[in-house]
Amino acid sequence: MQVAYRADNLFDAHLAKHVLEDVEIPAFVFGESLLGAGGELPLFGVLRVCVPDSALPAARDALQAAGLLDGPADPTYEELPDSGLLPA
């Protein structure tokens, strides 16, 4: 099994899983049962969507086509317009 997608939350993990299953790639969400172990603290990096080794290239293509592998749409600090103000 290979990790095709690392999810930030359970909704994203199952969205990726359904995208892969729609193109007939078997996908499994690992780490789902660990979410309750942290109590009220959020756990990060535990949700992984895995596929068989041979399906990894096709899985990445499907996830890319669905827009799930794109970076965040928020601008980074370097992309923000210069306001002329200096930090304190």
C-alpha atoms as a PDB file:
ATOM      1  CA  MET A   1       0.000   0.000   0.000  1.00  0.00           C
ATOM      2  CA  GLN A   2       1.160   3.513  -0.832  1.00  0.00           C
ATOM      3  CA  VAL A   3      -0.056   6.833   0.548  1.00  0.00           C
ATOM      4  CA  ALA A   4      -1.856   8.692  -2.222  1.00  0.00           C
ATOM      5  CA  TYR A   5      -3.267  11.507  -0.090  1.00  0.00           C
ATOM      6  CA  ARG A   6      -2.707  12.933   3.395  1.00  0.00           C
ATOM      7  CA  ALA A   7      -5.869  14.512   4.730  1.00  0.00           C
ATOM      8  CA  ASP A   8      -6.288  17.297   7.275  1.00  0.00           C
ATOM      9  CA  ASN A   9      -9.730  16.103   8.310  1.00  0.00           C
ATOM     10  CA  LEU A  10     -12.095  13.192   7.916  1.00  0.00           C
ATOM     11  CA  PHE A  11     -14.197  14.921   5.267  1.00  0.00           C
ATOM     12  CA  ASP A  12     -11.189  15.420   2.986  1.00  0.00           C
ATOM     13  CA  ALA A  13     -10.064  11.829   3.511  1.00  0.00           C
ATOM     14  CA  HIS A  14     -13.419  10.415   2.458  1.00  0.00           C
ATOM     15  CA  LEU A  15     -13.694  12.873  -0.428  1.00  0.00           C
ATOM     16  CA  ALA A  16     -10.357  11.587  -1.756  1.00  0.00           C
ATOM     17  CA  LYS A  17     -11.455   7.998  -1.186  1.00  0.00           C
ATOM     18  CA  HIS A  18     -14.659   8.539  -3.170  1.00  0.00           C
ATOM     19  CA  VAL A  19     -12.777  10.252  -6.003  1.00  0.00           C
ATOM     20  CA  LEU A  20     -10.505   7.221  -6.260  1.00  0.00           C
ATOM     21  CA  GLU A  21     -13.353   4.731  -6.044  1.00  0.00           C
ATOM     22  CA  ASP A  22     -15.190   6.583  -8.827  1.00  0.00           C
ATOM     23  CA  VAL A  23     -12.300   5.729 -11.173  1.00  0.00           C
ATOM     24  CA  GLU A  24     -12.281   2.150  -9.852  1.00  0.00           C
ATOM     25  CA  ILE A  25      -9.140   2.435  -7.732  1.00  0.00           C
ATOM     26  CA  PRO A  26      -9.486   0.661  -4.383  1.00  0.00           C
ATOM     27  CA  ALA A  27      -8.755   3.134  -1.596  1.00  0.00           C
ATOM     28  CA  PHE A  28      -8.513   2.792   2.159  1.00  0.00           C
ATOM     29  CA  VAL A  29      -8.596   5.483   4.860  1.00  0.00           C
ATOM     30  CA  PHE A  30      -6.056   4.758   7.577  1.00  0.00           C
ATOM     31  CA  GLY A  31      -5.994   6.562  10.903  1.00  0.00           C
ATOM     32  CA  GLU A  32      -9.718   7.152  11.114  1.00  0.00           C
ATOM     33  CA  SER A  33     -10.034   5.280  14.397  1.00  0.00           C
ATOM     34  CA  LEU A  34      -7.208   7.330  15.945  1.00  0.00           C
ATOM     35  CA  LEU A  35      -9.163  10.584  15.823  1.00  0.00           C
ATOM     36  CA  GLY A  36     -10.929   9.884  19.117  1.00  0.00           C
ATOM     37  CA  ALA A  37      -7.684   9.011  20.888  1.00  0.00           C
ATOM     38  CA  GLY A  38      -6.637  12.640  21.187  1.00  0.00           C
ATOM     39  CA  GLY A  39      -9.634  13.645  23.231  1.00  0.00           C
ATOM     40  CA  GLU A  40     -10.383  17.286  22.591  1.00  0.00           C
ATOM     41  CA  LEU A  41      -6.966  17.939  21.065  1.00  0.00           C
ATOM     42  CA  PRO A  42      -6.827  17.843  17.273  1.00  0.00           C
ATOM     43  CA  LEU A  43      -4.523  15.231  15.801  1.00  0.00           C
ATOM     44  CA  PHE A  44      -2.733  16.114  12.591  1.00  0.00           C
ATOM     45  CA  GLY A  45      -1.078  13.833  10.092  1.00  0.00           C
ATOM     46  CA  VAL A  46      -2.871  10.647  11.092  1.00  0.00           C
ATOM     47  CA  LEU A  47      -5.348  10.441   8.196  1.00  0.00           C
ATOM     48  CA  ARG A  48      -3.938   8.789   5.093  1.00  0.00           C
ATOM     49  CA  VAL A  49      -5.693   7.547   1.971  1.00  0.00           C
ATOM     50  CA  CYS A  50      -3.769   4.572   0.643  1.00  0.00           C
ATOM     51  CA  VAL A  51      -3.983   2.653  -2.609  1.00  0.00           C
ATOM     52  CA  PRO A  52      -2.274  -0.489  -3.925  1.00  0.00           C
ATOM     53  CA  ASP A  53       1.294   0.050  -5.122  1.00  0.00           C
ATOM     54  CA  SER A  54       0.438  -0.457  -8.785  1.00  0.00           C
ATOM     55  CA  ALA A  55      -2.416   2.079  -8.648  1.00  0.00           C
ATOM     56  CA  LEU A  56      -0.407   4.998  -7.238  1.00  0.00           C
ATOM     57  CA  PRO A  57       0.263   6.846 -10.548  1.00  0.00           C
ATOM     58  CA  ALA A  58      -3.385   6.588 -11.617  1.00  0.00           C
ATOM     59  CA  ALA A  59      -4.511   7.637  -8.134  1.00  0.00           C
ATOM     60  CA  ARG A  60      -2.365  10.767  -8.217  1.00  0.00           C
ATOM     61  CA  ASP A  61      -3.730  11.634 -11.655  1.00  0.00           C
ATOM     62  CA  ALA A  62      -7.315  11.244 -10.408  1.00  0.00           C
ATOM     63  CA  LEU A  63      -6.670  13.309  -7.281  1.00  0.00           C
ATOM     64  CA  GLN A  64      -4.926  16.001  -9.333  1.00  0.00           C
ATOM     65  CA  ALA A  65      -7.848  16.121 -11.776  1.00  0.00           C
ATOM     66  CA  ALA A  66     -10.231  16.539  -8.833  1.00  0.00           C
ATOM     67  CA  GLY A  67      -8.145  19.452  -7.523  1.00  0.00           C
ATOM     68  CA  LEU A  68      -7.230  17.719  -4.276  1.00  0.00           C
ATOM     69  CA  LEU A  69      -3.457  17.855  -4.778  1.00  0.00           C
ATOM     70  CA  ASP A  70      -3.375  21.572  -5.507  1.00  0.00           C
ATOM     71  CA  GLY A  71      -1.800  23.796  -2.911  1.00  0.00           C
ATOM     72  CA  PRO A  72      -3.837  26.160  -0.752  1.00  0.00           C
ATOM     73  CA  ALA A  73      -5.612  28.979  -2.559  1.00  0.00           C
ATOM     74  CA  ASP A  74      -4.643  31.481   0.126  1.00  0.00           C
ATOM     75  CA  PRO A  75      -1.803  33.851  -0.839  1.00  0.00           C
ATOM     76  CA  THR A  76       1.523  33.451   0.878  1.00  0.00           C
ATOM     77  CA  TYR A  77       3.257  36.356   2.575  1.00  0.00           C
ATOM     78  CA  GLU A  78       5.456  36.957  -0.470  1.00  0.00           C
ATOM     79  CA  GLU A  79       2.411  37.216  -2.751  1.00  0.00           C
ATOM     80  CA  LEU A  80       0.628  39.902  -0.720  1.00  0.00           C
ATOM     81  CA  PRO A  81       0.789  43.438  -2.077  1.00  0.00           C
ATOM     82  CA  ASP A  82       3.311  45.725  -0.389  1.00  0.00           C
ATOM     83  CA  SER A  83       1.465  48.075   1.943  1.00  0.00           C
ATOM     84  CA  GLY A  84       4.531  50.196   2.648  1.00  0.00           C
ATOM     85  CA  LEU A  85       4.286  49.409   6.342  1.00  0.00           C
ATOM     86  CA  LEU A  86       7.102  47.765   8.245  1.00  0.00           C
ATOM     87  CA  PRO A  87       6.552  45.216  11.002  1.00  0.00           C
ATOM     88  CA  ALA A  88       6.810  46.547  14.549  1.00  0.00           C
END
